PDB file of N, CA and C in Angstrom:
ATOM      1  N   UNK A   1      54.383 -19.522  65.137  1.00  0.00           N
ATOM      2  CA  UNK A   1      53.778 -20.764  65.675  1.00  0.00           C
ATOM      3  C   UNK A   1      53.870 -21.761  64.749  1.00  0.00           C
ATOM      4  N   UNK A   2      53.591 -22.769  65.329  1.00  0.00           N
ATOM      5  CA  UNK A   2      53.878 -24.013  64.340  1.00  0.00           C
ATOM      6  C   UNK A   2      53.009 -25.129  65.101  1.00  0.00           C
ATOM      7  N   UNK A   3      51.991 -25.870  64.187  1.00  0.00           N
ATOM      8  CA  UNK A   3      50.799 -26.929  64.636  1.00  0.00           C
ATOM      9  C   UNK A   3      51.056 -28.103  64.206  1.00  0.00           C
ATOM     10  N   UNK A   4      51.395 -29.274  65.145  1.00  0.00           N
ATOM     11  CA  UNK A   4      51.585 -30.542  64.714  1.00  0.00           C
ATOM     12  C   UNK A   4      50.193 -31.450  65.011  1.00  0.00           C
ATOM     13  N   UNK A   5      49.831 -31.963  63.423  1.00  0.00           N
ATOM     14  CA  UNK A   5      48.609 -32.406  63.543  1.00  0.00           C
ATOM     15  C   UNK A   5      49.051 -34.447  63.522  1.00  0.00           C
ATOM     16  N   UNK A   6      48.137 -34.940  63.702  1.00  0.00           N
ATOM     17  CA  UNK A   6      46.413 -34.701  64.049  1.00  0.00           C
ATOM     18  C   UNK A   6      46.197 -34.318  65.507  1.00  0.00           C
ATOM     19  N   UNK A   7      47.042 -34.513  66.351  1.00  0.00           N
ATOM     20  CA  UNK A   7      46.709 -33.918  67.879  1.00  0.00           C
ATOM     21  C   UNK A   7      46.672 -32.545  67.869  1.00  0.00           C
ATOM     22  N   UNK A   8      46.714 -31.560  66.907  1.00  0.00           N
ATOM     23  CA  UNK A   8      46.427 -30.168  66.815  1.00  0.00           C
ATOM     24  C   UNK A   8      46.974 -29.605  68.424  1.00  0.00           C
ATOM     25  N   UNK A   9      48.507 -29.729  68.461  1.00  0.00           N
ATOM     26  CA  UNK A   9      49.107 -29.491  69.650  1.00  0.00           C
ATOM     27  C   UNK A   9      50.133 -28.239  68.986  1.00  0.00           C
ATOM     28  N   UNK A  10      49.644 -26.928  69.327  1.00  0.00           N
ATOM     29  CA  UNK A  10      50.419 -25.553  68.972  1.00  0.00           C
ATOM     30  C   UNK A  10      51.322 -25.038  69.941  1.00  0.00           C
ATOM     31  N   UNK A  11      52.681 -24.934  68.988  1.00  0.00           N
ATOM     32  CA  UNK A  11      53.949 -24.418  69.807  1.00  0.00           C
ATOM     33  C   UNK A  11      54.116 -23.117  69.097  1.00  0.00           C
ATOM     34  N   UNK A  12      54.734 -22.591  70.162  1.00  0.00           N
ATOM     35  CA  UNK A  12      55.786 -21.470  69.972  1.00  0.00           C
ATOM     36  C   UNK A  12      57.275 -21.315  69.968  1.00  0.00           C
ATOM     37  N   UNK A  13      58.094 -20.851  68.816  1.00  0.00           N
ATOM     38  CA  UNK A  13      59.442 -20.985  69.103  1.00  0.00           C
ATOM     39  C   UNK A  13      59.949 -19.839  68.844  1.00  0.00           C
ATOM     40  N   UNK A  14      61.342 -19.732  69.236  1.00  0.00           N
ATOM     41  CA  UNK A  14      62.364 -18.547  69.337  1.00  0.00           C
ATOM     42  C   UNK A  14      63.316 -18.410  68.145  1.00  0.00           C
ATOM     43  N   UNK A  15      63.875 -20.215  67.885  1.00  0.00           N
ATOM     44  CA  UNK A  15      65.106 -19.964  67.093  1.00  0.00           C
ATOM     45  C   UNK A  15      65.006 -21.391  66.811  1.00  0.00           C
ATOM     46  N   UNK A  16      66.028 -21.679  65.758  1.00  0.00           N
ATOM     47  CA  UNK A  16      65.995 -23.159  65.112  1.00  0.00           C
ATOM     48  C   UNK A  16      66.320 -24.256  66.376  1.00  0.00           C
ATOM     49  N   UNK A  17      66.556 -23.734  67.103  1.00  0.00           N
ATOM     50  CA  UNK A  17      66.726 -24.930  68.222  1.00  0.00           C
ATOM     51  C   UNK A  17      65.802 -25.316  68.762  1.00  0.00           C
ATOM     52  N   UNK A  18      64.606 -24.527  69.009  1.00  0.00           N
ATOM     53  CA  UNK A  18      63.568 -24.972  69.362  1.00  0.00           C
ATOM     54  C   UNK A  18      62.773 -25.891  68.585  1.00  0.00           C
ATOM     55  N   UNK A  19      62.979 -25.483  67.257  1.00  0.00           N
ATOM     56  CA  UNK A  19      62.466 -26.144  66.424  1.00  0.00           C
ATOM     57  C   UNK A  19      62.680 -27.821  66.339  1.00  0.00           C
ATOM     58  N   UNK A  20      64.460 -27.715  66.137  1.00  0.00           N
ATOM     59  CA  UNK A  20      64.898 -28.906  66.087  1.00  0.00           C
ATOM     60  C   UNK A  20      64.315 -30.030  67.419  1.00  0.00           C
ATOM     61  N   UNK A  21      64.298 -28.979  68.797  1.00  0.00           N
ATOM     62  CA  UNK A  21      63.474 -29.913  69.885  1.00  0.00           C
ATOM     63  C   UNK A  21      62.404 -30.440  69.829  1.00  0.00           C
ATOM     64  N   UNK A  22      61.275 -29.558  68.887  1.00  0.00           N
ATOM     65  CA  UNK A  22      60.224 -29.858  68.676  1.00  0.00           C
ATOM     66  C   UNK A  22      59.888 -31.445  67.922  1.00  0.00           C
ATOM     67  N   UNK A  23      61.048 -31.033  66.885  1.00  0.00           N
ATOM     68  CA  UNK A  23      61.019 -32.437  65.579  1.00  0.00           C
ATOM     69  C   UNK A  23      61.495 -33.537  66.351  1.00  0.00           C
ATOM     70  N   UNK A  24      62.830 -33.348  67.321  1.00  0.00           N
ATOM     71  CA  UNK A  24      63.230 -34.744  67.900  1.00  0.00           C
ATOM     72  C   UNK A  24      62.376 -35.235  69.022  1.00  0.00           C
ATOM     73  N   UNK A  25      61.651 -34.147  69.765  1.00  0.00           N
ATOM     74  CA  UNK A  25      60.772 -34.937  70.561  1.00  0.00           C
ATOM     75  C   UNK A  25      59.272 -35.142  70.270  1.00  0.00           C
ATOM     76  N   UNK A  26      58.729 -34.485  69.783  1.00  0.00           N
ATOM     77  CA  UNK A  26      57.161 -34.432  69.068  1.00  0.00           C
ATOM     78  C   UNK A  26      57.100 -35.608  68.064  1.00  0.00           C
ATOM     79  N   UNK A  27      57.854 -34.835  67.007  1.00  0.00           N
ATOM     80  CA  UNK A  27      57.729 -35.736  65.780  1.00  0.00           C
ATOM     81  C   UNK A  27      58.623 -37.354  65.935  1.00  0.00           C
ATOM     82  N   UNK A  28      59.187 -37.409  66.370  1.00  0.00           N
ATOM     83  CA  UNK A  28      60.068 -38.684  66.390  1.00  0.00           C
ATOM     84  C   UNK A  28      59.948 -39.823  67.449  1.00  0.00           C
ATOM     85  N   UNK A  29      59.951 -38.851  68.493  1.00  0.00           N
ATOM     86  CA  UNK A  29      59.203 -39.629  69.850  1.00  0.00           C
ATOM     87  C   UNK A  29      57.997 -39.438  70.306  1.00  0.00           C
ATOM     88  N   UNK A  30      57.069 -38.837  69.928  1.00  0.00           N
ATOM     89  CA  UNK A  30      56.041 -38.749  70.062  1.00  0.00           C
ATOM     90  C   UNK A  30      55.401 -38.067  71.703  1.00  0.00           C
ATOM     91  N   UNK A  31      56.640 -37.042  72.250  1.00  0.00           N
ATOM     92  CA  UNK A  31      56.645 -36.330  73.147  1.00  0.00           C
ATOM     93  C   UNK A  31      55.997 -34.962  73.513  1.00  0.00           C
ATOM     94  N   UNK A  32      55.073 -34.475  73.592  1.00  0.00           N
ATOM     95  CA  UNK A  32      54.880 -33.045  73.868  1.00  0.00           C
ATOM     96  C   UNK A  32      55.756 -32.240  74.522  1.00  0.00           C
ATOM     97  N   UNK A  33      56.158 -31.054  73.841  1.00  0.00           N
ATOM     98  CA  UNK A  33      57.539 -30.441  74.399  1.00  0.00           C
ATOM     99  C   UNK A  33      56.481 -29.224  75.265  1.00  0.00           C
ATOM    100  N   UNK A  34      56.505 -29.392  76.441  1.00  0.00           N
ATOM    101  CA  UNK A  34      55.686 -28.374  77.498  1.00  0.00           C
ATOM    102  C   UNK A  34      56.325 -27.108  77.358  1.00  0.00           C
ATOM    103  N   UNK A  35      57.115 -26.947  77.378  1.00  0.00           N
ATOM    104  CA  UNK A  35      57.906 -25.418  77.671  1.00  0.00           C
ATOM    105  C   UNK A  35      57.692 -24.601  76.331  1.00  0.00           C
ATOM    106  N   UNK A  36      57.205 -25.326  75.227  1.00  0.00           N
ATOM    107  CA  UNK A  36      56.935 -24.481  73.961  1.00  0.00           C
ATOM    108  C   UNK A  36      55.452 -24.663  73.770  1.00  0.00           C
ATOM    109  N   UNK A  37      54.782 -25.101  74.465  1.00  0.00           N
ATOM    110  CA  UNK A  37      53.432 -25.260  73.913  1.00  0.00           C
ATOM    111  C   UNK A  37      52.764 -24.170  74.276  1.00  0.00           C
ATOM    112  N   UNK A  38      51.712 -23.953  73.345  1.00  0.00           N
ATOM    113  CA  UNK A  38      50.667 -22.595  73.578  1.00  0.00           C
ATOM    114  C   UNK A  38      49.604 -23.111  74.498  1.00  0.00           C
TER     115      UNK A  38
END
């Protein structure tokens, strides 16, 4: 599991590609990755 603050969005991930997607979408572009959101 991974939590992004200050929004407190919880994510689940399977592999490195999922983590890369969370970084590029949520952290860099401020878009929640709905398919990985818990």
